[in-house]
C-alpha atoms as a PDB file:
ATOM      1  CA  MET A   1      86.610 -22.581 -34.728  1.00  0.00           C
ATOM      2  CA  SER A   2      82.805 -22.246 -34.714  1.00  0.00           C
ATOM      3  CA  ARG A   3      80.978 -19.059 -33.720  1.00  0.00           C
ATOM      4  CA  ASP A   4      79.767 -20.659 -30.485  1.00  0.00           C
ATOM      5  CA  GLU A   5      83.344 -21.665 -29.657  1.00  0.00           C
ATOM      6  CA  GLU A   6      84.533 -18.099 -30.332  1.00  0.00           C
ATOM      7  CA  ILE A   7      81.848 -16.733 -28.001  1.00  0.00           C
ATOM      8  CA  ALA A   8      82.807 -19.181 -25.240  1.00  0.00           C
ATOM      9  CA  ARG A   9      86.486 -18.324 -25.701  1.00  0.00           C
ATOM     10  CA  THR A  10      85.700 -14.620 -25.410  1.00  0.00           C
ATOM     11  CA  PHE A  11      83.952 -15.092 -22.073  1.00  0.00           C
ATOM     12  CA  VAL A  12      87.026 -16.942 -20.786  1.00  0.00           C
ATOM     13  CA  GLU A  13      89.280 -14.073 -21.928  1.00  0.00           C
ATOM     14  CA  LEU A  14      87.040 -11.474 -20.293  1.00  0.00           C
ATOM     15  CA  ALA A  15      87.180 -13.384 -17.012  1.00  0.00           C
ATOM     16  CA  ASP A  16      90.988 -13.500 -17.030  1.00  0.00           C
ATOM     17  CA  THR A  17      91.687 -10.225 -15.223  1.00  0.00           C
ATOM     18  CA  LEU A  18      93.065 -11.381 -11.888  1.00  0.00           C
ATOM     19  CA  VAL A  19      96.654 -11.394 -13.099  1.00  0.00           C
ATOM     20  CA  GLN A  20      99.716  -9.431 -12.101  1.00  0.00           C
ATOM     21  CA  ASP A  21      99.870  -6.065 -13.893  1.00  0.00           C
ATOM     22  CA  PHE A  22      96.515  -6.450 -15.591  1.00  0.00           C
ATOM     23  CA  ASP A  23      96.620  -4.349 -18.796  1.00  0.00           C
ATOM     24  CA  VAL A  24      93.304  -2.493 -19.008  1.00  0.00           C
ATOM     25  CA  ILE A  25      94.029  -0.983 -22.430  1.00  0.00           C
ATOM     26  CA  ASP A  26      94.878  -4.328 -24.018  1.00  0.00           C
ATOM     27  CA  PHE A  27      91.844  -5.899 -22.299  1.00  0.00           C
ATOM     28  CA  LEU A  28      89.456  -3.301 -23.767  1.00  0.00           C
ATOM     29  CA  HIS A  29      91.117  -3.502 -27.175  1.00  0.00           C
ATOM     30  CA  GLN A  30      90.580  -7.264 -27.158  1.00  0.00           C
ATOM     31  CA  LEU A  31      86.919  -6.751 -26.245  1.00  0.00           C
ATOM     32  CA  THR A  32      86.352  -4.516 -29.280  1.00  0.00           C
ATOM     33  CA  ALA A  33      88.216  -6.875 -31.603  1.00  0.00           C
ATOM     34  CA  ARG A  34      86.231  -9.913 -30.446  1.00  0.00           C
ATOM     35  CA  CYS A  35      82.878  -8.107 -30.812  1.00  0.00           C
ATOM     36  CA  ARG A  36      83.764  -6.839 -34.276  1.00  0.00           C
ATOM     37  CA  ASP A  37      84.919 -10.215 -35.554  1.00  0.00           C
ATOM     38  CA  ILE A  38      82.314 -12.495 -33.963  1.00  0.00           C
ATOM     39  CA  LEU A  39      79.361 -10.256 -34.838  1.00  0.00           C
ATOM     40  CA  ALA A  40      80.708  -9.313 -38.296  1.00  0.00           C
ATOM     41  CA  LEU A  41      80.536  -5.589 -37.547  1.00  0.00           C
ATOM     42  CA  ALA A  42      82.373  -2.828 -39.360  1.00  0.00           C
ATOM     43  CA  ASP A  43      83.703  -1.301 -36.137  1.00  0.00           C
ATOM     44  CA  THR A  44      83.263  -1.321 -32.369  1.00  0.00           C
ATOM     45  CA  ALA A  45      84.568   0.988 -29.665  1.00  0.00           C
ATOM     46  CA  VAL A  46      84.541   1.299 -25.887  1.00  0.00           C
ATOM     47  CA  LEU A  47      83.595   4.647 -24.371  1.00  0.00           C
ATOM     48  CA  LEU A  48      84.276   5.178 -20.676  1.00  0.00           C
ATOM     49  CA  ALA A  49      82.921   7.945 -18.455  1.00  0.00           C
ATOM     50  CA  TYR A  50      85.759   9.791 -16.717  1.00  0.00           C
ATOM     51  CA  PRO A  51      86.624  12.013 -14.892  1.00  0.00           C
ATOM     52  CA  GLU A  52      83.019  13.245 -14.606  1.00  0.00           C
ATOM     53  CA  PRO A  53      79.811  11.346 -15.427  1.00  0.00           C
ATOM     54  CA  GLU A  54      79.079  13.509 -18.460  1.00  0.00           C
ATOM     55  CA  HIS A  55      82.591  13.304 -19.901  1.00  0.00           C
ATOM     56  CA  MET A  56      83.337  10.247 -22.047  1.00  0.00           C
ATOM     57  CA  TYR A  57      86.399   9.160 -23.996  1.00  0.00           C
ATOM     58  CA  SER A  58      87.381   6.096 -26.002  1.00  0.00           C
ATOM     59  CA  PRO A  59      90.412   4.084 -24.822  1.00  0.00           C
ATOM     60  CA  ALA A  60      89.833   1.256 -27.339  1.00  0.00           C
ATOM     61  CA  PRO A  61      90.370   0.211 -30.007  1.00  0.00           C
ATOM     62  CA  CYS A  62      93.882   1.578 -29.970  1.00  0.00           C
ATOM     63  CA  ASP A  63      94.073   1.457 -33.771  1.00  0.00           C
ATOM     64  CA  PRO A  64      90.817   3.070 -35.006  1.00  0.00           C
ATOM     65  CA  SER A  65      90.330   3.485 -38.732  1.00  0.00           C
ATOM     66  CA  ALA A  66      90.009   7.010 -40.068  1.00  0.00           C
ATOM     67  CA  ALA A  67      86.246   6.461 -40.369  1.00  0.00           C
ATOM     68  CA  LEU A  68      85.895   5.284 -36.771  1.00  0.00           C
ATOM     69  CA  ALA A  69      88.189   8.005 -35.416  1.00  0.00           C
ATOM     70  CA  GLY A  70      85.930  10.637 -36.976  1.00  0.00           C
ATOM     71  CA  VAL A  71      82.814   9.116 -35.414  1.00  0.00           C
ATOM     72  CA  LEU A  72      84.510   8.870 -32.018  1.00  0.00           C
ATOM     73  CA  ASP A  73      85.028  12.632 -32.048  1.00  0.00           C
ATOM     74  CA  LEU A  74      81.248  13.000 -31.686  1.00  0.00           C
ATOM     75  CA  ALA A  75      80.164   9.749 -29.987  1.00  0.00           C
ATOM     76  CA  PRO A  76      80.960  11.006 -26.444  1.00  0.00           C
ATOM     77  CA  ARG A  77      78.575  13.938 -26.923  1.00  0.00           C
ATOM     78  CA  GLU A  78      75.625  12.453 -28.813  1.00  0.00           C
ATOM     79  CA  GLY A  79      74.383   9.215 -30.276  1.00  0.00           C
ATOM     80  CA  PRO A  80      73.774   5.663 -29.042  1.00  0.00           C
ATOM     81  CA  ALA A  81      76.908   5.259 -26.903  1.00  0.00           C
ATOM     82  CA  LEU A  82      76.079   8.266 -24.744  1.00  0.00           C
ATOM     83  CA  GLU A  83      72.403   7.273 -24.464  1.00  0.00           C
ATOM     84  CA  ALA A  84      73.240   3.658 -23.530  1.00  0.00           C
ATOM     85  CA  TYR A  85      75.536   4.912 -20.779  1.00  0.00           C
ATOM     86  CA  ARG A  86      73.011   7.421 -19.425  1.00  0.00           C
ATOM     87  CA  ALA A  87      70.118   4.956 -19.463  1.00  0.00           C
ATOM     88  CA  ALA A  88      72.221   1.923 -18.439  1.00  0.00           C
ATOM     89  CA  ALA A  89      70.269   0.055 -21.129  1.00  0.00           C
ATOM     90  CA  PRO A  90      70.866  -1.047 -24.738  1.00  0.00           C
ATOM     91  CA  VAL A  91      70.107   1.523 -27.449  1.00  0.00           C
ATOM     92  CA  ALA A  92      69.408   0.061 -30.878  1.00  0.00           C
ATOM     93  CA  PRO A  93      67.299   2.269 -33.158  1.00  0.00           C
ATOM     94  CA  GLY A  94      69.376   0.692 -35.913  1.00  0.00           C
ATOM     95  CA  ASP A  95      69.109   2.304 -39.321  1.00  0.00           C
ATOM     96  CA  LEU A  96      71.000   5.606 -39.325  1.00  0.00           C
ATOM     97  CA  ALA A  97      68.750   6.829 -42.151  1.00  0.00           C
ATOM     98  CA  ARG A  98      65.986   7.015 -39.513  1.00  0.00           C
ATOM     99  CA  ALA A  99      68.046   7.963 -36.453  1.00  0.00           C
ATOM    100  CA  PRO A 100      66.661  10.326 -33.779  1.00  0.00           C
ATOM    101  CA  ALA A 101      66.810  14.016 -34.620  1.00  0.00           C
ATOM    102  CA  ASP A 102      69.068  14.789 -31.651  1.00  0.00           C
ATOM    103  CA  TRP A 103      71.741  12.550 -33.184  1.00  0.00           C
ATOM    104  CA  GLU A 104      72.030  14.901 -36.158  1.00  0.00           C
ATOM    105  CA  ARG A 105      75.794  15.494 -36.079  1.00  0.00           C
ATOM    106  CA  PHE A 106      76.643  11.932 -35.057  1.00  0.00           C
ATOM    107  CA  THR A 107      74.389  10.526 -37.797  1.00  0.00           C
ATOM    108  CA  ALA A 108      75.840  12.783 -40.481  1.00  0.00           C
ATOM    109  CA  ARG A 109      79.397  11.877 -39.493  1.00  0.00           C
ATOM    110  CA  ALA A 110      78.639   8.134 -39.272  1.00  0.00           C
ATOM    111  CA  ARG A 111      76.764   7.967 -42.589  1.00  0.00           C
ATOM    112  CA  GLY A 112      79.455  10.033 -44.253  1.00  0.00           C
ATOM    113  CA  ALA A 113      82.007   7.459 -43.067  1.00  0.00           C
ATOM    114  CA  GLY A 114      79.997   4.626 -44.637  1.00  0.00           C
ATOM    115  CA  TYR A 115      78.199   3.249 -41.580  1.00  0.00           C
ATOM    116  CA  THR A 116      74.540   2.328 -42.031  1.00  0.00           C
ATOM    117  CA  TYR A 117      73.502   1.011 -38.605  1.00  0.00           C
ATOM    118  CA  ALA A 118      74.489   1.962 -35.061  1.00  0.00           C
ATOM    119  CA  ALA A 119      73.712   0.533 -31.644  1.00  0.00           C
ATOM    120  CA  ALA A 120      75.259   0.532 -28.181  1.00  0.00           C
ATOM    121  CA  VAL A 121      75.112  -1.410 -24.932  1.00  0.00           C
ATOM    122  CA  PRO A 122      76.089  -0.151 -21.489  1.00  0.00           C
ATOM    123  CA  MET A 123      79.095  -1.431 -19.558  1.00  0.00           C
ATOM    124  CA  ARG A 124      77.356  -1.877 -16.235  1.00  0.00           C
ATOM    125  CA  LEU A 125      77.227  -3.870 -13.026  1.00  0.00           C
ATOM    126  CA  ARG A 126      73.826  -3.558 -11.344  1.00  0.00           C
ATOM    127  CA  ARG A 127      73.397   0.199 -10.868  1.00  0.00           C
ATOM    128  CA  GLN A 128      77.005   1.105 -11.640  1.00  0.00           C
ATOM    129  CA  ALA A 129      77.734   2.036 -15.271  1.00  0.00           C
ATOM    130  CA  LEU A 130      81.314   2.643 -16.400  1.00  0.00           C
ATOM    131  CA  GLY A 131      80.560   3.520 -20.002  1.00  0.00           C
ATOM    132  CA  SER A 132      79.264   1.805 -23.107  1.00  0.00           C
ATOM    133  CA  LEU A 133      80.193  -0.291 -26.118  1.00  0.00           C
ATOM    134  CA  LEU A 134      79.433   1.287 -29.516  1.00  0.00           C
ATOM    135  CA  LEU A 135      78.543  -1.027 -32.414  1.00  0.00           C
ATOM    136  CA  LEU A 136      78.707   0.141 -36.029  1.00  0.00           C
ATOM    137  CA  SER A 137      77.686  -1.760 -39.145  1.00  0.00           C
ATOM    138  CA  SER A 138      78.088  -0.969 -42.837  1.00  0.00           C
ATOM    139  CA  SER A 139      75.884  -3.819 -44.061  1.00  0.00           C
ATOM    140  CA  GLY A 140      72.317  -3.530 -45.250  1.00  0.00           C
ATOM    141  CA  ASN A 141      70.913  -5.288 -42.196  1.00  0.00           C
ATOM    142  CA  PRO A 142      70.449  -4.249 -38.564  1.00  0.00           C
ATOM    143  CA  LEU A 143      72.183  -6.099 -35.747  1.00  0.00           C
ATOM    144  CA  PRO A 144      70.042  -9.158 -34.873  1.00  0.00           C
ATOM    145  CA  ALA A 145      68.458  -9.102 -31.415  1.00  0.00           C
ATOM    146  CA  GLN A 146      70.410 -12.224 -30.421  1.00  0.00           C
ATOM    147  CA  ASP A 147      73.700 -10.533 -31.342  1.00  0.00           C
ATOM    148  CA  LEU A 148      72.757  -7.476 -29.305  1.00  0.00           C
ATOM    149  CA  SER A 149      72.102  -9.766 -26.326  1.00  0.00           C
ATOM    150  CA  THR A 150      75.468 -11.450 -26.842  1.00  0.00           C
ATOM    151  CA  THR A 151      77.181  -8.065 -26.949  1.00  0.00           C
ATOM    152  CA  GLN A 152      75.485  -7.007 -23.727  1.00  0.00           C
ATOM    153  CA  ALA A 153      76.701 -10.213 -22.093  1.00  0.00           C
ATOM    154  CA  PHE A 154      80.262  -9.449 -23.270  1.00  0.00           C
ATOM    155  CA  ALA A 155      79.983  -5.895 -21.920  1.00  0.00           C
ATOM    156  CA  ASP A 156      78.649  -7.144 -18.577  1.00  0.00           C
ATOM    157  CA  ALA A 157      81.468  -9.689 -18.287  1.00  0.00           C
ATOM    158  CA  ALA A 158      84.066  -7.043 -19.144  1.00  0.00           C
ATOM    159  CA  THR A 159      82.661  -4.656 -16.543  1.00  0.00           C
ATOM    160  CA  ILE A 160      82.752  -7.318 -13.858  1.00  0.00           C
ATOM    161  CA  GLY A 161      86.322  -8.112 -14.873  1.00  0.00           C
ATOM    162  CA  LEU A 162      87.356  -4.469 -14.643  1.00  0.00           C
ATOM    163  CA  ILE A 163      85.791  -3.987 -11.240  1.00  0.00           C
ATOM    164  CA  HIS A 164      87.278  -7.166  -9.803  1.00  0.00           C
ATOM    165  CA  ALA A 165      90.718  -6.888 -11.393  1.00  0.00           C
ATOM    166  CA  ARG A 166      93.659  -6.912  -9.011  1.00  0.00           C
ATOM    167  CA  THR A 167      94.839  -3.509 -10.187  1.00  0.00           C
ATOM    168  CA  LEU A 168      91.493  -2.015  -9.233  1.00  0.00           C
ATOM    169  CA  GLN A 169      91.848  -3.521  -5.773  1.00  0.00           C
ATOM    170  CA  GLN A 170      95.352  -2.099  -5.462  1.00  0.00           C
ATOM    171  CA  THR A 171      94.446   1.444  -6.539  1.00  0.00           C
ATOM    172  CA  GLY A 172      91.272   1.389  -4.514  1.00  0.00           C
ATOM    173  CA  THR A 173      88.708   2.791  -6.932  1.00  0.00           C
ATOM    174  CA  VAL A 174      87.467   2.262 -10.458  1.00  0.00           C
ATOM    175  CA  ASP A 175      87.851   5.984 -11.195  1.00  0.00           C
ATOM    176  CA  GLU A 176      91.598   5.882 -10.525  1.00  0.00           C
ATOM    177  CA  GLN A 177      92.025   2.968 -12.933  1.00  0.00           C
ATOM    178  CA  LEU A 178      90.029   4.762 -15.628  1.00  0.00           C
ATOM    179  CA  HIS A 179      92.237   7.806 -15.095  1.00  0.00           C
ATOM    180  CA  THR A 180      95.243   5.562 -15.738  1.00  0.00           C
ATOM    181  CA  ALA A 181      93.570   4.182 -18.873  1.00  0.00           C
ATOM    182  CA  LEU A 182      93.044   7.682 -20.271  1.00  0.00           C
ATOM    183  CA  HIS A 183      96.684   8.658 -19.849  1.00  0.00           C
ATOM    184  CA  SER A 184      97.870   5.254 -21.052  1.00  0.00           C
ATOM    185  CA  ARG A 185      95.935   5.737 -24.282  1.00  0.00           C
ATOM    186  CA  ILE A 186      97.709   9.062 -24.862  1.00  0.00           C
ATOM    187  CA  LEU A 187     101.134   7.410 -24.435  1.00  0.00           C
ATOM    188  CA  ILE A 188     100.197   4.598 -26.804  1.00  0.00           C
ATOM    189  CA  GLU A 189      98.977   7.061 -29.440  1.00  0.00           C
ATOM    190  CA  GLN A 190     102.254   8.994 -29.223  1.00  0.00           C
ATOM    191  CA  ALA A 191     104.371   5.839 -29.499  1.00  0.00           C
ATOM    192  CA  LYS A 192     102.264   4.531 -32.378  1.00  0.00           C
ATOM    193  CA  GLY A 193     102.705   7.806 -34.264  1.00  0.00           C
ATOM    194  CA  TYR A 194     106.446   7.816 -33.611  1.00  0.00           C
ATOM    195  CA  LEU A 195     106.898   4.250 -34.908  1.00  0.00           C
ATOM    196  CA  ALA A 196     104.757   4.959 -37.965  1.00  0.00           C
ATOM    197  CA  ALA A 197     106.733   8.093 -38.835  1.00  0.00           C
ATOM    198  CA  ARG A 198     110.073   6.379 -38.229  1.00  0.00           C
ATOM    199  CA  SER A 199     109.331   3.283 -40.323  1.00  0.00           C
ATOM    200  CA  GLY A 200     106.936   4.677 -42.914  1.00  0.00           C
ATOM    201  CA  ALA A 201     104.316   2.138 -41.839  1.00  0.00           C
ATOM    202  CA  SER A 202     100.627   2.827 -41.324  1.00  0.00           C
ATOM    203  CA  LEU A 203      99.332   3.671 -37.854  1.00  0.00           C
ATOM    204  CA  ASN A 204      97.518   0.316 -37.751  1.00  0.00           C
ATOM    205  CA  ASP A 205     100.718  -1.569 -38.610  1.00  0.00           C
ATOM    206  CA  ALA A 206     102.687   0.461 -36.066  1.00  0.00           C
ATOM    207  CA  PHE A 207     100.183  -0.436 -33.369  1.00  0.00           C
ATOM    208  CA  ALA A 208     100.349  -4.117 -34.344  1.00  0.00           C
ATOM    209  CA  VAL A 209     104.138  -4.018 -33.916  1.00  0.00           C
ATOM    210  CA  LEU A 210     103.825  -2.229 -30.555  1.00  0.00           C
ATOM    211  CA  ARG A 211     101.208  -4.627 -29.220  1.00  0.00           C
ATOM    212  CA  GLY A 212     103.015  -7.694 -30.550  1.00  0.00           C
ATOM    213  CA  HIS A 213     106.234  -6.606 -28.843  1.00  0.00           C
ATOM    214  CA  ALA A 214     104.434  -6.015 -25.535  1.00  0.00           C
ATOM    215  CA  ARG A 215     102.788  -9.440 -25.642  1.00  0.00           C
ATOM    216  CA  ARG A 216     105.930 -11.331 -26.657  1.00  0.00           C
ATOM    217  CA  HIS A 217     107.894  -9.803 -23.781  1.00  0.00           C
ATOM    218  CA  ARG A 218     104.982  -9.948 -21.286  1.00  0.00           C
ATOM    219  CA  VAL A 219     105.124  -6.188 -20.756  1.00  0.00           C
ATOM    220  CA  LEU A 220     102.275  -3.697 -20.416  1.00  0.00           C
ATOM    221  CA  LEU A 221     101.365  -1.753 -23.542  1.00  0.00           C
ATOM    222  CA  THR A 222     101.871   1.468 -21.601  1.00  0.00           C
ATOM    223  CA  THR A 223     105.349   0.395 -20.466  1.00  0.00           C
ATOM    224  CA  THR A 224     106.278  -0.518 -24.041  1.00  0.00           C
ATOM    225  CA  ALA A 225     104.963   2.796 -25.367  1.00  0.00           C
ATOM    226  CA  ARG A 226     106.926   4.735 -22.746  1.00  0.00           C
ATOM    227  CA  HIS A 227     110.050   2.755 -23.694  1.00  0.00           C
ATOM    228  CA  VAL A 228     109.620   3.685 -27.359  1.00  0.00           C
ATOM    229  CA  LEU A 229     109.281   7.367 -26.538  1.00  0.00           C
ATOM    230  CA  THR A 230     112.314   7.267 -24.228  1.00  0.00           C
ATOM    231  CA  ALA A 231     114.675   4.946 -26.128  1.00  0.00           C
ATOM    232  CA  GLY A 232     113.461   5.726 -29.628  1.00  0.00           C
ATOM    233  CA  ASP A 233     112.939   2.123 -30.743  1.00  0.00           C
ATOM    234  CA  LEU A 234     111.951  -1.397 -29.747  1.00  0.00           C
ATOM    235  CA  THR A 235     115.361  -3.021 -30.052  1.00  0.00           C
ATOM    236  CA  ALA A 236     115.604  -3.628 -26.307  1.00  0.00           C
ATOM    237  CA  ALA A 237     112.612  -4.860 -24.365  1.00  0.00           C
ATOM    238  CA  PRO A 238     111.758  -3.092 -21.117  1.00  0.00           C
ATOM    239  CA  PRO A 239     111.808  -5.269 -17.991  1.00  0.00           C
ATOM    240  CA  ALA A 240     109.064  -7.870 -17.924  1.00  0.00           C
ATOM    241  CA  SER A 241     106.087  -6.796 -15.849  1.00  0.00           C
ATOM    242  CA  ARG A 242     104.092 -10.007 -15.949  1.00  0.00           C
ATOM    243  CA  PRO A 243     104.838 -13.620 -15.188  1.00  0.00           C
ATOM    244  CA  PRO A 244     105.096 -16.003 -18.187  1.00  0.00           C
ATOM    245  CA  ALA A 245     101.822 -17.306 -19.558  1.00  0.00           C
ATOM    246  CA  ASP A 246     101.001 -20.075 -21.952  1.00  0.00           C
ATOM    247  CA  ALA A 247     100.978 -19.321 -25.650  1.00  0.00           C
ATOM    248  CA  SER A 248      97.206 -19.486 -25.915  1.00  0.00           C
ATOM    249  CA  SER A 249      96.888 -16.141 -24.136  1.00  0.00           C
ATOM    250  CA  THR A 250      99.188 -14.183 -26.446  1.00  0.00           C
ATOM    251  CA  GLU A 251      96.941 -13.565 -29.447  1.00  0.00           C
END
C-alpha cells in the first residue's frame, strides 16, 4: 500500500466513530500508531487536558517504550505538547539540541532517551482544544513541513471524531468522556502488567495480546482489561459489546 493510500485509509478510520460502544482508548492508540508508521517517526503520543485545563495526561499509546514513558512523565508540564495545546497551534522548533530554554528538563529527558527532534500539533476544533499530539524523531532530519500539515489534519479529524462520537452524545460532555479515558487507561495498564507478570512476556507483547483479544471478540479494551483483573486470564471472553464488523476494521 502506498503512502498516499495509507493516509487516505487513516482518515477513513478516524471518521469511523459513530459506532456502538466506541472505544476511545483504542481509537487514540490507533491514531498514534498510524502517525508513527506513516511519518516514519520514532514515537508519537496523545496528551489530553483533563480534569482541568492545565492538567494533561497521556492515554495513548497504551504500550509506550521505556524511552517514551520517561518523556511522557515531563511532557504534560513542559515542552512542545503543552505549548501546542495552550496556543492551539503547531509547535515545531525541531532540533532538540537548540530547543527553548524553558524546555530544559523535557529536552534533557528526550535527548537522553535518544530523540533528536520534537514537535507537536493541537487536537482542536475551532476554538476548542482537547489536547495535543506529540511527535518524536530519532533521525538526523526534522519533520518536513508537509508531514507536519498531514499530522495536523489527522489530529483535527480525530478531534472531530471524538466530539461527534455517539458515546460523547450519550454522556453529554467531552469532559466526561475524557474522564472515562483516564480511568480506562489505568485499568489497561494494570491488566497489561498482570498478563506480563503471569506469562513472562514483555509489556508490549502483553498489550498486543490484550488488544488482539478485545478486537477478535468485539469487546472494549476497558471491558477486556477489567475481565482479566477479575477472572485472572483471557480464557473466557466477556460478553460482546459491539456488533460484528467486517475484517478490514480489526487491525
